[in-house]
């Protein structure tokens, strides 16, 4: 399923990691494994990983059907030690969000 970015469509966890030079790829690989684990949780929808062009950040954009599903994903990853494992790669700044506004070229 492709990520859906639409008002009222999902709960989104956005986590911005700050990493040292050369640490983007290992973190992306680690987060991809975590996404595979999270994908088993009912209500999980998608994960998208983004790397900054300057090599200093990775953004994890993960969607769940609702807040309960998002919290189940977080609990599973926590119980597997995967959230704690993130710290080996850099500084994490996570948060849960809902879409408030979108505009794309099909809306014009």
C-alpha atoms as a PDB file:
ATOM      1  CA  UNK A   1       0.000   0.000   0.000  1.00  0.00           C
ATOM      2  CA  UNK A   2       1.296   3.431  -0.889  1.00  0.00           C
ATOM      3  CA  UNK A   3       1.402   6.113   1.807  1.00  0.00           C
ATOM      4  CA  UNK A   4      -1.789   8.162   1.850  1.00  0.00           C
ATOM      5  CA  UNK A   5      -1.369  11.775   2.858  1.00  0.00           C
ATOM      6  CA  UNK A   6      -4.879  13.061   3.275  1.00  0.00           C
ATOM      7  CA  UNK A   7      -6.639  14.875   6.105  1.00  0.00           C
ATOM      8  CA  UNK A   8      -8.176  12.296   8.432  1.00  0.00           C
ATOM      9  CA  UNK A   9      -6.534   9.334   6.692  1.00  0.00           C
ATOM     10  CA  UNK A  10      -4.131   8.036   9.353  1.00  0.00           C
ATOM     11  CA  UNK A  11      -1.891   8.706  12.325  1.00  0.00           C
ATOM     12  CA  UNK A  12       1.658   9.422  11.247  1.00  0.00           C
ATOM     13  CA  UNK A  13       4.820   8.924  13.227  1.00  0.00           C
ATOM     14  CA  UNK A  14       7.536  11.249  11.980  1.00  0.00           C
ATOM     15  CA  UNK A  15      10.986  10.692  13.414  1.00  0.00           C
ATOM     16  CA  UNK A  16      13.881  12.918  12.363  1.00  0.00           C
ATOM     17  CA  UNK A  17      17.298  11.440  13.137  1.00  0.00           C
ATOM     18  CA  UNK A  18      20.471  13.487  13.174  1.00  0.00           C
ATOM     19  CA  UNK A  19      23.458  11.329  12.241  1.00  0.00           C
ATOM     20  CA  UNK A  20      27.198  11.684  11.834  1.00  0.00           C
ATOM     21  CA  UNK A  21      28.764  11.442   8.397  1.00  0.00           C
ATOM     22  CA  UNK A  22      28.657   7.890   7.082  1.00  0.00           C
ATOM     23  CA  UNK A  23      25.840   6.796   9.410  1.00  0.00           C
ATOM     24  CA  UNK A  24      22.862   7.351   7.098  1.00  0.00           C
ATOM     25  CA  UNK A  25      22.992   3.992   5.296  1.00  0.00           C
ATOM     26  CA  UNK A  26      23.380   1.868   8.461  1.00  0.00           C
ATOM     27  CA  UNK A  27      20.446   3.704  10.055  1.00  0.00           C
ATOM     28  CA  UNK A  28      18.286   3.316   6.944  1.00  0.00           C
ATOM     29  CA  UNK A  29      19.062  -0.418   6.893  1.00  0.00           C
ATOM     30  CA  UNK A  30      18.173  -0.675  10.592  1.00  0.00           C
ATOM     31  CA  UNK A  31      14.928   1.262  10.148  1.00  0.00           C
ATOM     32  CA  UNK A  32      13.985  -0.897   7.152  1.00  0.00           C
ATOM     33  CA  UNK A  33      14.307  -3.994   9.385  1.00  0.00           C
ATOM     34  CA  UNK A  34      12.183  -2.256  12.049  1.00  0.00           C
ATOM     35  CA  UNK A  35       9.555  -1.482   9.390  1.00  0.00           C
ATOM     36  CA  UNK A  36       9.421  -5.172   8.476  1.00  0.00           C
ATOM     37  CA  UNK A  37       8.744  -6.005  12.149  1.00  0.00           C
ATOM     38  CA  UNK A  38       6.150  -3.217  12.470  1.00  0.00           C
ATOM     39  CA  UNK A  39       4.361  -4.345   9.301  1.00  0.00           C
ATOM     40  CA  UNK A  40       3.060  -7.382  11.200  1.00  0.00           C
ATOM     41  CA  UNK A  41       0.982  -5.193  13.555  1.00  0.00           C
ATOM     42  CA  UNK A  42      -2.710  -4.941  12.660  1.00  0.00           C
ATOM     43  CA  UNK A  43      -3.428  -1.357  11.612  1.00  0.00           C
ATOM     44  CA  UNK A  44       0.117  -0.632  10.372  1.00  0.00           C
ATOM     45  CA  UNK A  45      -0.094   0.973   6.926  1.00  0.00           C
ATOM     46  CA  UNK A  46       3.275   2.071   5.550  1.00  0.00           C
ATOM     47  CA  UNK A  47       6.787   3.304   6.196  1.00  0.00           C
ATOM     48  CA  UNK A  48       8.887   5.667   4.086  1.00  0.00           C
ATOM     49  CA  UNK A  49      12.528   6.475   4.789  1.00  0.00           C
ATOM     50  CA  UNK A  50      14.114   9.690   3.535  1.00  0.00           C
ATOM     51  CA  UNK A  51      17.773  10.736   3.637  1.00  0.00           C
ATOM     52  CA  UNK A  52      18.974  14.312   3.548  1.00  0.00           C
ATOM     53  CA  UNK A  53      21.253  15.209   0.677  1.00  0.00           C
ATOM     54  CA  UNK A  54      23.808  16.686   3.065  1.00  0.00           C
ATOM     55  CA  UNK A  55      24.227  13.317   4.809  1.00  0.00           C
ATOM     56  CA  UNK A  56      23.237  14.491   8.303  1.00  0.00           C
ATOM     57  CA  UNK A  57      19.598  13.398   8.687  1.00  0.00           C
ATOM     58  CA  UNK A  58      17.226  10.499   8.106  1.00  0.00           C
ATOM     59  CA  UNK A  59      13.461  10.903   8.326  1.00  0.00           C
ATOM     60  CA  UNK A  60      11.158   7.981   9.076  1.00  0.00           C
ATOM     61  CA  UNK A  61       7.552   8.632   8.006  1.00  0.00           C
ATOM     62  CA  UNK A  62       5.335   5.759   9.194  1.00  0.00           C
ATOM     63  CA  UNK A  63       1.559   5.534   9.034  1.00  0.00           C
ATOM     64  CA  UNK A  64      -0.970   3.566  11.066  1.00  0.00           C
ATOM     65  CA  UNK A  65      -4.741   3.433  10.703  1.00  0.00           C
ATOM     66  CA  UNK A  66      -5.353   5.086  14.076  1.00  0.00           C
ATOM     67  CA  UNK A  67      -3.736   6.049  17.384  1.00  0.00           C
ATOM     68  CA  UNK A  68      -4.256   2.597  18.904  1.00  0.00           C
ATOM     69  CA  UNK A  69      -2.450   0.943  16.001  1.00  0.00           C
ATOM     70  CA  UNK A  70       0.393   3.477  16.203  1.00  0.00           C
ATOM     71  CA  UNK A  71       0.786   2.757  19.908  1.00  0.00           C
ATOM     72  CA  UNK A  72       0.794  -1.014  19.243  1.00  0.00           C
ATOM     73  CA  UNK A  73       3.586  -0.517  16.710  1.00  0.00           C
ATOM     74  CA  UNK A  74       5.595   1.557  19.203  1.00  0.00           C
ATOM     75  CA  UNK A  75       5.079  -1.041  21.961  1.00  0.00           C
ATOM     76  CA  UNK A  76       6.180  -3.906  19.702  1.00  0.00           C
ATOM     77  CA  UNK A  77       9.306  -2.072  18.567  1.00  0.00           C
ATOM     78  CA  UNK A  78      10.059  -1.111  22.163  1.00  0.00           C
ATOM     79  CA  UNK A  79       9.637  -4.713  23.367  1.00  0.00           C
ATOM     80  CA  UNK A  80      12.011  -5.894  20.609  1.00  0.00           C
ATOM     81  CA  UNK A  81      14.647  -3.342  21.700  1.00  0.00           C
ATOM     82  CA  UNK A  82      14.448  -1.641  18.338  1.00  0.00           C
ATOM     83  CA  UNK A  83      13.645   1.833  19.684  1.00  0.00           C
ATOM     84  CA  UNK A  84      16.580   1.677  22.071  1.00  0.00           C
ATOM     85  CA  UNK A  85      18.729   0.416  19.185  1.00  0.00           C
ATOM     86  CA  UNK A  86      18.082   3.628  17.255  1.00  0.00           C
ATOM     87  CA  UNK A  87      20.370   5.459  19.677  1.00  0.00           C
ATOM     88  CA  UNK A  88      23.420   3.685  18.262  1.00  0.00           C
ATOM     89  CA  UNK A  89      22.995   5.586  14.997  1.00  0.00           C
ATOM     90  CA  UNK A  90      22.203   9.132  16.071  1.00  0.00           C
ATOM     91  CA  UNK A  91      19.839  11.501  17.851  1.00  0.00           C
ATOM     92  CA  UNK A  92      16.116  10.756  17.358  1.00  0.00           C
ATOM     93  CA  UNK A  93      13.268  13.278  17.534  1.00  0.00           C
ATOM     94  CA  UNK A  94      10.004  11.299  17.239  1.00  0.00           C
ATOM     95  CA  UNK A  95       6.415  12.485  17.303  1.00  0.00           C
ATOM     96  CA  UNK A  96       2.893  11.379  16.384  1.00  0.00           C
ATOM     97  CA  UNK A  97       0.974  13.613  13.976  1.00  0.00           C
ATOM     98  CA  UNK A  98      -2.263  13.897  12.051  1.00  0.00           C
ATOM     99  CA  UNK A  99      -2.535  15.495   8.634  1.00  0.00           C
ATOM    100  CA  UNK A 100      -4.039  18.993   8.864  1.00  0.00           C
ATOM    101  CA  UNK A 101      -3.762  20.197   5.265  1.00  0.00           C
ATOM    102  CA  UNK A 102      -2.605  18.931   1.876  1.00  0.00           C
ATOM    103  CA  UNK A 103      -2.304  20.412  -1.604  1.00  0.00           C
ATOM    104  CA  UNK A 104      -1.020  18.696  -4.700  1.00  0.00           C
ATOM    105  CA  UNK A 105      -1.110  19.411  -8.396  1.00  0.00           C
ATOM    106  CA  UNK A 106      -4.322  17.387  -8.813  1.00  0.00           C
ATOM    107  CA  UNK A 107      -6.090  19.791  -6.414  1.00  0.00           C
ATOM    108  CA  UNK A 108      -5.508  22.871  -8.592  1.00  0.00           C
END
